[in-house]
Protein backbone atom coordinates (compact mmCIF):
# COMPACT_ATOMS: atom_id res chain seq x y z
CA UNK A 1 118.94 114.40 9.59
CA UNK A 2 117.85 116.71 6.76
CA UNK A 3 118.97 120.34 6.97
CA UNK A 4 121.15 119.80 10.06
CA UNK A 5 123.23 117.04 8.47
CA UNK A 6 126.04 119.33 7.19
CA UNK A 7 126.30 120.87 10.66
CA UNK A 8 126.50 117.48 12.38
CA UNK A 9 129.00 116.10 9.89
CA UNK A 10 131.34 119.01 10.58
CA UNK A 11 130.66 119.33 14.29
CA UNK A 12 131.14 115.66 15.16
CA UNK A 13 134.88 115.38 14.49
CA UNK A 14 135.44 118.69 16.26
CA UNK A 15 133.70 117.54 19.47
CA UNK A 16 136.06 114.58 19.76
CA UNK A 17 139.64 115.73 20.32
CA UNK A 18 141.76 115.10 17.24
CA UNK A 19 145.08 113.23 17.58
CA UNK A 20 147.87 115.57 18.62
CA UNK A 21 150.46 113.62 16.65
CA UNK A 22 150.77 112.62 13.02
CA UNK A 23 148.56 109.62 12.31
CA UNK A 24 149.28 106.75 9.91
CA UNK A 25 146.24 104.89 8.58
CA UNK A 26 146.39 101.65 6.55
CA UNK A 27 144.14 101.63 3.48
CA UNK A 28 142.55 98.52 1.96
CA UNK A 29 144.81 98.93 -1.04
CA UNK A 30 147.80 98.23 1.21
CA UNK A 31 148.90 101.85 1.15
CA UNK A 32 149.49 104.04 4.19
CA UNK A 33 147.80 107.44 4.58
CA UNK A 34 149.70 109.90 6.77
CA UNK A 35 147.56 112.61 8.37
CA UNK A 36 148.73 115.85 10.04
CA UNK A 37 148.38 116.39 13.80
CA UNK A 38 145.04 117.89 14.84
CA UNK A 39 143.29 116.80 11.66
CA UNK A 40 139.51 116.55 12.44
CA UNK A 41 138.81 113.58 10.15
CA UNK A 42 141.72 111.48 11.44
CA UNK A 43 139.49 109.25 13.57
CA UNK A 44 137.09 108.68 10.65
CA UNK A 45 140.00 107.62 8.48
CA UNK A 46 141.38 105.38 11.22
CA UNK A 47 138.05 103.63 11.82
CA UNK A 48 137.35 103.11 8.12
CA UNK A 49 134.24 105.29 8.34
CA UNK A 50 135.35 108.11 6.07
CA UNK A 51 132.81 108.47 3.25
CA UNK A 52 132.33 104.69 2.88
CA UNK A 53 129.73 104.99 0.09
CA UNK A 54 131.96 107.24 -2.01
CA UNK A 55 134.92 104.98 -1.35
CA UNK A 56 132.96 101.95 -2.58
CA UNK A 57 131.93 103.85 -5.70
CA UNK A 58 135.56 104.64 -6.49
CA UNK A 59 136.39 100.95 -6.12
CA UNK A 60 133.50 100.09 -8.46
CA UNK A 61 133.96 102.52 -11.35
CA UNK A 62 137.73 103.03 -11.51
CA UNK A 63 139.57 100.45 -13.57
CA UNK A 64 143.14 99.70 -14.55
CA UNK A 65 144.50 102.08 -17.16
CA UNK A 66 142.08 104.93 -16.42
CA UNK A 67 143.04 108.56 -15.83
CA UNK A 68 141.55 110.11 -12.68
CA UNK A 69 141.58 113.74 -11.53
CA UNK A 70 141.26 114.50 -7.81
CA UNK A 71 140.40 118.21 -7.54
CA UNK A 72 140.53 119.24 -3.90
CA UNK A 73 142.73 116.26 -3.03
CA UNK A 74 143.44 117.25 0.57
CA UNK A 75 146.09 114.85 1.94
CA UNK A 76 145.44 112.27 -0.76
CA UNK A 77 142.88 109.73 0.45
CA UNK A 78 141.09 109.38 -2.90
CA UNK A 79 144.31 110.03 -4.81
CA UNK A 80 145.96 106.99 -3.21
CA UNK A 81 142.90 104.79 -3.75
CA UNK A 82 142.78 105.87 -7.40
CA UNK A 83 146.51 105.29 -7.83
CA UNK A 84 146.10 101.72 -6.63
CA UNK A 85 143.08 101.08 -8.87
CA UNK A 86 144.41 102.49 -12.16
CA UNK A 87 147.69 100.61 -11.84
CA UNK A 88 150.92 101.15 -13.73
CA UNK A 89 149.13 101.91 -17.01
CA UNK A 90 146.85 104.57 -15.47
CA UNK A 91 147.40 108.10 -14.26
CA UNK A 92 146.16 110.26 -11.38
CA UNK A 93 146.38 114.07 -11.16
CA UNK A 94 145.81 115.52 -7.67
CA UNK A 95 145.17 119.26 -7.18
CA UNK A 96 145.42 120.82 -3.70
CA UNK A 97 146.12 124.51 -2.89
CA UNK A 98 146.44 124.35 0.92
CA UNK A 99 150.17 124.28 1.84
CA UNK A 100 149.96 121.81 4.75
CA UNK A 101 147.59 119.47 2.94
CA UNK A 102 149.81 119.62 -0.14
CA UNK A 103 152.86 118.81 1.97
CA UNK A 104 151.16 115.65 3.24
CA UNK A 105 149.81 114.84 -0.22
CA UNK A 106 153.38 114.79 -1.53
CA UNK A 107 154.53 112.81 1.50
CA UNK A 108 151.84 110.19 0.92
CA UNK A 109 152.83 109.90 -2.73
CA UNK A 110 156.48 109.39 -1.77
CA UNK A 111 155.81 106.95 1.09
CA UNK A 112 153.61 104.79 -1.10
CA UNK A 113 155.81 105.12 -4.20
CA UNK A 114 152.92 106.18 -6.39
CA UNK A 115 154.76 106.66 -9.67
CA UNK A 116 151.46 107.15 -11.53
CA UNK A 117 150.31 110.04 -9.30
CA UNK A 118 151.20 113.69 -9.91
CA UNK A 119 150.47 116.38 -7.31
CA UNK A 120 149.82 120.02 -8.27
CA UNK A 121 149.68 122.84 -5.73
CA UNK A 122 146.85 124.63 -7.52
CA UNK A 123 143.25 125.62 -6.97
CA UNK A 124 140.96 125.01 -9.94
CA UNK A 125 138.58 127.74 -11.11
CA UNK A 126 137.63 129.51 -14.36
CA UNK A 127 140.79 131.57 -14.93
CA UNK A 128 144.54 131.37 -14.54
CA UNK A 129 145.45 133.81 -11.81
CA UNK A 130 146.17 134.09 -8.10
CA UNK A 131 143.47 134.26 -5.45
CA UNK A 132 142.97 134.49 -1.72
CA UNK A 133 142.31 131.19 0.01
CA UNK A 134 140.61 130.90 3.39
CA UNK A 135 142.33 128.15 5.34
CA UNK A 136 140.29 125.84 7.55
CA UNK A 137 140.70 127.31 11.04
CA UNK A 138 140.46 123.86 12.65
CA UNK A 139 142.65 122.15 10.09
CA UNK A 140 141.52 119.76 7.42
CA UNK A 141 139.46 119.90 4.27
CA UNK A 142 137.26 122.98 4.40
CA UNK A 143 139.48 125.73 3.00
CA UNK A 144 138.02 127.71 0.11
CA UNK A 145 138.75 130.44 -2.42
CA UNK A 146 137.53 133.86 -1.29
CA UNK A 147 137.51 137.49 -2.39
CA UNK A 148 138.33 138.57 1.17
CA UNK A 149 141.86 139.78 1.88
CA UNK A 150 141.43 141.18 5.37
CA UNK A 151 141.43 137.98 7.37
CA UNK A 152 144.50 136.50 9.03
CA UNK A 153 143.53 133.02 7.84
CA UNK A 154 143.70 133.90 4.13
CA UNK A 155 146.74 133.15 2.01
CA UNK A 156 147.50 133.67 -1.67
CA UNK A 157 147.35 130.60 -3.91
CA UNK A 158 147.88 129.85 -7.57
CA UNK A 159 144.74 129.21 -9.60
CA UNK A 160 144.35 127.46 -12.93
CA UNK A 161 141.62 125.72 -14.95
CA UNK A 162 141.09 122.15 -16.05
CA UNK A 163 141.37 123.23 -19.68
CA UNK A 164 144.57 125.24 -19.21
CA UNK A 165 146.32 122.42 -17.38
CA UNK A 166 145.30 119.57 -19.66
CA UNK A 167 145.98 121.55 -22.83
CA UNK A 168 149.52 122.16 -21.56
CA UNK A 169 150.15 118.43 -21.18
CA UNK A 170 148.68 117.44 -24.53
CA UNK A 171 145.06 116.61 -23.73
CA UNK A 172 145.34 113.08 -22.31
CA UNK A 173 142.02 111.26 -22.03
CA UNK A 174 140.31 111.64 -18.64
CA UNK A 175 137.84 109.09 -17.31
CA UNK A 176 136.84 110.29 -13.81
CA UNK A 177 136.97 113.69 -12.10
CA UNK A 178 136.40 114.01 -8.37
CA UNK A 179 135.47 117.64 -7.59
CA UNK A 180 135.33 118.82 -3.97
CA UNK A 181 136.29 122.49 -3.82
CA UNK A 182 134.10 123.83 -1.02
CA UNK A 183 131.63 125.92 -3.00
CA UNK A 184 133.78 126.82 -6.01
CA UNK A 185 132.35 123.98 -8.09
CA UNK A 186 130.61 126.35 -10.54
CA UNK A 187 133.86 128.20 -11.23
CA UNK A 188 135.78 124.95 -11.71
CA UNK A 189 133.11 123.58 -14.05
CA UNK A 190 133.28 126.74 -16.18
CA UNK A 191 136.95 125.97 -16.69
CA UNK A 192 136.50 122.45 -18.10
CA UNK A 193 134.33 122.78 -21.21
CA UNK A 194 137.05 121.68 -23.62
CA UNK A 195 138.13 118.82 -21.37
CA UNK A 196 134.54 117.63 -21.16
CA UNK A 197 134.05 117.93 -24.93
CA UNK A 198 137.14 115.79 -25.54
CA UNK A 199 135.97 113.09 -23.11
CA UNK A 200 132.40 112.05 -23.97
CA UNK A 201 132.43 109.23 -21.39
CA UNK A 202 133.69 111.42 -18.55
CA UNK A 203 132.24 110.65 -15.10
CA UNK A 204 132.09 113.29 -12.37
CA UNK A 205 131.93 112.77 -8.61
CA UNK A 206 131.03 116.13 -7.07
CA UNK A 207 130.13 117.39 -3.63
CA UNK A 208 126.83 119.28 -3.40
CA UNK A 209 126.91 121.73 -0.48
CA UNK A 210 124.24 124.43 -0.82
CA UNK A 211 125.71 126.63 1.92
CA UNK A 212 129.17 126.56 0.36
CA UNK A 213 127.72 127.37 -3.07
CA UNK A 214 125.85 130.33 -1.59
CA UNK A 215 129.03 131.58 0.06
CA UNK A 216 130.69 131.51 -3.37
CA UNK A 217 127.83 133.52 -4.89
CA UNK A 218 126.06 130.77 -6.76
CA UNK A 219 123.44 128.05 -6.23
CA UNK A 220 122.50 124.52 -7.24
CA UNK A 221 120.26 125.68 -10.11
CA UNK A 222 123.17 127.47 -11.75
CA UNK A 223 125.44 124.47 -11.23
CA UNK A 224 122.81 122.18 -12.75
CA UNK A 225 122.73 124.37 -15.84
CA UNK A 226 126.51 124.20 -16.17
CA UNK A 227 126.45 120.43 -15.83
CA UNK A 228 123.85 120.14 -18.58
CA UNK A 229 125.92 122.44 -20.81
CA UNK A 230 128.90 120.16 -20.19
CA UNK A 231 126.89 117.20 -21.43
CA UNK A 232 125.89 115.53 -18.18
CA UNK A 233 122.36 114.16 -18.25
CA UNK A 234 121.81 112.20 -15.06
CA UNK A 235 123.19 111.48 -11.64
CA UNK A 236 122.90 109.56 -8.39
CA UNK A 237 123.04 110.73 -4.77
CA UNK A 238 125.81 108.49 -3.51
CA UNK A 239 125.11 108.58 0.24
CA UNK A 240 121.33 108.35 -0.11
CA UNK A 241 121.07 104.80 -1.39
CA UNK A 242 122.38 105.82 -4.82
CA UNK A 243 119.06 107.47 -5.66
CA UNK A 244 118.78 108.43 -9.34
CA UNK A 245 117.87 111.88 -10.68
CA UNK A 246 117.65 113.48 -14.12
CA UNK A 247 119.61 116.69 -14.56
CA UNK A 248 116.93 118.29 -16.73
CA UNK A 249 114.95 118.56 -13.48
CA UNK A 250 117.90 120.12 -11.70
CA UNK A 251 120.02 118.97 -8.79
CA UNK A 252 118.38 117.33 -5.75
CA UNK A 253 116.63 120.02 -3.63
CA UNK A 254 118.31 119.45 -0.27
CA UNK A 255 120.12 121.41 2.40
CA UNK A 256 122.14 118.35 3.29
CA UNK A 257 125.65 117.88 1.93
CA UNK A 258 125.96 114.94 -0.44
CA UNK A 259 128.31 113.61 -3.08
CA UNK A 260 126.84 113.11 -6.54
CA UNK A 261 127.85 110.68 -9.28
CA UNK A 262 127.16 112.41 -12.62
CA UNK A 263 127.20 110.75 -16.02
CA UNK A 264 126.83 111.95 -19.58
CA UNK A 265 124.58 109.22 -20.94
CA UNK A 266 122.60 106.31 -19.64
CA UNK A 267 124.38 103.00 -20.10
CA UNK A 268 123.03 100.94 -22.98
CA UNK A 269 121.21 97.67 -22.22
CA UNK A 270 120.89 94.49 -24.16
């Protein structure tokens, strides 16, 4: 689908009327995901077609005892999956600034009794402050930090950094970070240099959305440079057959929206 893929991925759920009532979706882990009324992705969740390649990757790389960070957690789909996979000896930190999404994130944690999962109503960026946040007008996962303050859909949210938060709780080890912050990825990455330094085996699952990056005043070349500075050396395009790329050549040149699996060093063989 090439350049029109992001458009189709966002338009599709909006062409089909979303459920008008709260939806409960069973996950393979045995947990239940509750979704707000009118949520565009509800049917994808219900049919098991929500980001199946990314879901399988989570199930492959996350192991018992790991610590996982879900930045841009939404209502908690990946947070719940991670909670199930890391078990009682692991830990999950879920960050979500949108008030309704955060309400359902907390509800999903309570309903599923996820004692290893902590929810934080914060956006992650490169400073500790407050910022305007543009809520998704249709409802769902596409809210983003903005400098605009003259729109009725913007609200004020608390902002922190990876480094500020994890320093405050004593620098626990972190194994996997999922980063999906609708264009603010560069800002969030600038706020995690110490966390990355302390975790040489850190894996990153990050959305690449060129249009969202442009809206935030950056681009994929700048993000690639930040990733290299953080120690990441290679990656795979998850939804494109797990195609490999080297970060020294930059991020994949595409207008499509993909999730990337980024690693710091090639696994040793033999």
